[in-house]
Amino acid sequence: MPSISVSQLAMQLEHGVAFRLIDVRRAQALTSSGAKIASSNWKNPALWLDWKDEIAHDLPIVLYCAHGQEISQGLCAALQAMGANACHLEGGIAAWQTQGHAVTPALLSQP
């Protein structure tokens, strides 16, 4: 499964590389953490069938969940099967924060 490391993502954000950053944590994980990676948009993974066609494939897509496991990897595979250039963040937002990268406040919004 294609992935991107925390350091690679940080470098891309720092250099203004164009891509879509999508937070696919469960709603409970998002609200309990109250934080997200800046410039990311939250999409409810439980409703992915409702929003999958809204994700434009004109830019690479980076998905992240809490720990970079089943949710982001599974949705990455689904989007790739639909023709998207998608990858997941290794270690999820937990690794992002552990490595000292900044987060911003996250508010739960519907897809």
C-alpha atoms as a PDB file:
ATOM      1  CA  MET A   1       0.000   0.000   0.000  1.00  0.00           C
ATOM      2  CA  PRO A   2       1.518   3.377  -0.959  1.00  0.00           C
ATOM      3  CA  SER A   3       2.437   5.470   2.041  1.00  0.00           C
ATOM      4  CA  ILE A   4       4.135   8.731   2.918  1.00  0.00           C
ATOM      5  CA  SER A   5       6.318   9.274   5.959  1.00  0.00           C
ATOM      6  CA  VAL A   6       5.750  12.026   8.495  1.00  0.00           C
ATOM      7  CA  SER A   7       8.941  13.780   7.388  1.00  0.00           C
ATOM      8  CA  GLN A   8       7.949  13.588   3.704  1.00  0.00           C
ATOM      9  CA  LEU A   9       4.504  15.045   4.456  1.00  0.00           C
ATOM     10  CA  ALA A  10       6.008  17.813   6.589  1.00  0.00           C
ATOM     11  CA  MET A  11       8.407  18.694   3.767  1.00  0.00           C
ATOM     12  CA  GLN A  12       5.596  18.772   1.205  1.00  0.00           C
ATOM     13  CA  LEU A  13       3.501  21.051   3.423  1.00  0.00           C
ATOM     14  CA  GLU A  14       6.485  23.309   4.070  1.00  0.00           C
ATOM     15  CA  HIS A  15       7.252  23.629   0.355  1.00  0.00           C
ATOM     16  CA  GLY A  16       3.631  24.193  -0.688  1.00  0.00           C
ATOM     17  CA  VAL A  17       3.318  21.023  -2.750  1.00  0.00           C
ATOM     18  CA  ALA A  18      -0.246  20.704  -4.055  1.00  0.00           C
ATOM     19  CA  PHE A  19      -2.191  17.690  -2.760  1.00  0.00           C
ATOM     20  CA  ARG A  20      -5.392  16.888  -0.901  1.00  0.00           C
ATOM     21  CA  LEU A  21      -4.956  16.026   2.786  1.00  0.00           C
ATOM     22  CA  ILE A  22      -7.907  14.097   4.180  1.00  0.00           C
ATOM     23  CA  ASP A  23      -8.486  13.160   7.818  1.00  0.00           C
ATOM     24  CA  VAL A  24     -10.406   9.871   7.908  1.00  0.00           C
ATOM     25  CA  ARG A  25     -10.447   9.209  11.637  1.00  0.00           C
ATOM     26  CA  ARG A  26     -13.656   7.985  13.190  1.00  0.00           C
ATOM     27  CA  ALA A  27     -15.800  10.844  14.520  1.00  0.00           C
ATOM     28  CA  GLN A  28     -15.124   9.791  18.114  1.00  0.00           C
ATOM     29  CA  ALA A  29     -11.345   9.842  17.578  1.00  0.00           C
ATOM     30  CA  LEU A  30     -11.544  13.291  16.008  1.00  0.00           C
ATOM     31  CA  THR A  31     -13.655  14.799  18.760  1.00  0.00           C
ATOM     32  CA  SER A  32     -11.626  13.206  21.564  1.00  0.00           C
ATOM     33  CA  SER A  33      -8.345  14.538  20.163  1.00  0.00           C
ATOM     34  CA  GLY A  34      -9.713  17.948  19.168  1.00  0.00           C
ATOM     35  CA  ALA A  35      -6.772  18.376  16.794  1.00  0.00           C
ATOM     36  CA  LYS A  36      -5.991  17.918  13.113  1.00  0.00           C
ATOM     37  CA  ILE A  37      -3.133  18.475  10.721  1.00  0.00           C
ATOM     38  CA  ALA A  38      -3.417  21.975   9.259  1.00  0.00           C
ATOM     39  CA  SER A  39      -5.091  22.189   5.838  1.00  0.00           C
ATOM     40  CA  SER A  40      -6.716  18.762   6.177  1.00  0.00           C
ATOM     41  CA  ASN A  41     -10.408  18.142   5.632  1.00  0.00           C
ATOM     42  CA  TRP A  42     -12.287  15.569   7.670  1.00  0.00           C
ATOM     43  CA  LYS A  43     -14.386  12.949   5.928  1.00  0.00           C
ATOM     44  CA  ASN A  44     -16.399  10.454   7.950  1.00  0.00           C
ATOM     45  CA  PRO A  45     -14.950   7.030   7.099  1.00  0.00           C
ATOM     46  CA  ALA A  46     -18.264   5.355   7.943  1.00  0.00           C
ATOM     47  CA  LEU A  47     -19.883   7.324   5.115  1.00  0.00           C
ATOM     48  CA  TRP A  48     -17.126   6.920   2.525  1.00  0.00           C
ATOM     49  CA  LEU A  49     -19.545   5.608  -0.083  1.00  0.00           C
ATOM     50  CA  ASP A  50     -21.355   8.957   0.134  1.00  0.00           C
ATOM     51  CA  TRP A  51     -18.259  11.135  -0.415  1.00  0.00           C
ATOM     52  CA  LYS A  52     -15.860   8.992  -2.454  1.00  0.00           C
ATOM     53  CA  ASP A  53     -17.027  10.452  -5.772  1.00  0.00           C
ATOM     54  CA  GLU A  54     -16.628  14.039  -4.493  1.00  0.00           C
ATOM     55  CA  ILE A  55     -12.857  13.687  -4.117  1.00  0.00           C
ATOM     56  CA  ALA A  56     -11.290  15.134  -7.250  1.00  0.00           C
ATOM     57  CA  HIS A  57      -8.438  13.112  -8.680  1.00  0.00           C
ATOM     58  CA  ASP A  58      -6.600  16.121 -10.134  1.00  0.00           C
ATOM     59  CA  LEU A  59      -4.116  16.161  -7.236  1.00  0.00           C
ATOM     60  CA  PRO A  60      -2.428  13.433  -5.188  1.00  0.00           C
ATOM     61  CA  ILE A  61      -4.423  12.456  -2.095  1.00  0.00           C
ATOM     62  CA  VAL A  62      -2.931  11.817   1.351  1.00  0.00           C
ATOM     63  CA  LEU A  63      -5.189  10.114   3.889  1.00  0.00           C
ATOM     64  CA  TYR A  64      -4.527   9.883   7.596  1.00  0.00           C
ATOM     65  CA  CYS A  65      -6.293   8.242  10.507  1.00  0.00           C
ATOM     66  CA  ALA A  66      -5.325   7.881  14.161  1.00  0.00           C
ATOM     67  CA  HIS A  67      -2.457   5.396  13.698  1.00  0.00           C
ATOM     68  CA  GLY A  68      -2.102   4.819   9.937  1.00  0.00           C
ATOM     69  CA  GLN A  69      -3.659   1.388  10.050  1.00  0.00           C
ATOM     70  CA  GLU A  70      -6.904  -0.095   8.753  1.00  0.00           C
ATOM     71  CA  ILE A  71      -8.993   3.004   8.069  1.00  0.00           C
ATOM     72  CA  SER A  72      -6.533   5.073   6.046  1.00  0.00           C
ATOM     73  CA  GLN A  73      -5.036   2.035   4.306  1.00  0.00           C
ATOM     74  CA  GLY A  74      -8.436   0.629   3.362  1.00  0.00           C
ATOM     75  CA  LEU A  75      -9.730   3.933   2.027  1.00  0.00           C
ATOM     76  CA  CYS A  76      -6.457   4.480   0.204  1.00  0.00           C
ATOM     77  CA  ALA A  77      -6.916   1.140  -1.581  1.00  0.00           C
ATOM     78  CA  ALA A  78     -10.520   2.016  -2.469  1.00  0.00           C
ATOM     79  CA  LEU A  79      -9.567   5.418  -3.897  1.00  0.00           C
ATOM     80  CA  GLN A  80      -6.687   3.884  -5.847  1.00  0.00           C
ATOM     81  CA  ALA A  81      -9.084   1.343  -7.342  1.00  0.00           C
ATOM     82  CA  MET A  82     -11.137   4.326  -8.517  1.00  0.00           C
ATOM     83  CA  GLY A  83      -8.094   5.797 -10.274  1.00  0.00           C
ATOM     84  CA  ALA A  84      -6.874   8.246  -7.623  1.00  0.00           C
ATOM     85  CA  ASN A  85      -3.218   8.824  -6.798  1.00  0.00           C
ATOM     86  CA  ALA A  86      -3.697   8.109  -3.079  1.00  0.00           C
ATOM     87  CA  CYS A  87      -1.417   7.177  -0.195  1.00  0.00           C
ATOM     88  CA  HIS A  88      -1.710   7.007   3.590  1.00  0.00           C
ATOM     89  CA  LEU A  89       0.351   8.683   6.308  1.00  0.00           C
ATOM     90  CA  GLU A  90       2.593   6.182   8.088  1.00  0.00           C
ATOM     91  CA  GLY A  91       1.677   6.130  11.772  1.00  0.00           C
ATOM     92  CA  GLY A  92      -1.262   8.519  11.298  1.00  0.00           C
ATOM     93  CA  ILE A  93      -1.735  11.683  13.296  1.00  0.00           C
ATOM     94  CA  ALA A  94      -0.236   9.939  16.344  1.00  0.00           C
ATOM     95  CA  ALA A  95       3.150   9.722  14.590  1.00  0.00           C
ATOM     96  CA  TRP A  96       2.745  13.295  13.312  1.00  0.00           C
ATOM     97  CA  GLN A  97       2.302  14.591  16.865  1.00  0.00           C
ATOM     98  CA  THR A  98       4.948  12.288  18.383  1.00  0.00           C
ATOM     99  CA  GLN A  99       7.489  13.735  15.968  1.00  0.00           C
ATOM    100  CA  GLY A 100       6.624  17.239  17.169  1.00  0.00           C
ATOM    101  CA  HIS A 101       4.664  18.602  14.230  1.00  0.00           C
ATOM    102  CA  ALA A 102       2.007  21.215  14.819  1.00  0.00           C
ATOM    103  CA  VAL A 103      -1.718  20.562  14.807  1.00  0.00           C
ATOM    104  CA  THR A 104      -4.661  22.924  14.703  1.00  0.00           C
ATOM    105  CA  PRO A 105      -8.024  22.735  16.474  1.00  0.00           C
ATOM    106  CA  ALA A 106     -10.460  20.351  14.809  1.00  0.00           C
ATOM    107  CA  LEU A 107     -14.193  20.766  14.762  1.00  0.00           C
ATOM    108  CA  LEU A 108     -16.473  17.942  13.778  1.00  0.00           C
ATOM    109  CA  SER A 109     -18.389  18.710  10.616  1.00  0.00           C
ATOM    110  CA  GLN A 110     -20.473  16.482   8.465  1.00  0.00           C
ATOM    111  CA  PRO A 111     -19.082  15.257   5.151  1.00  0.00           C
END
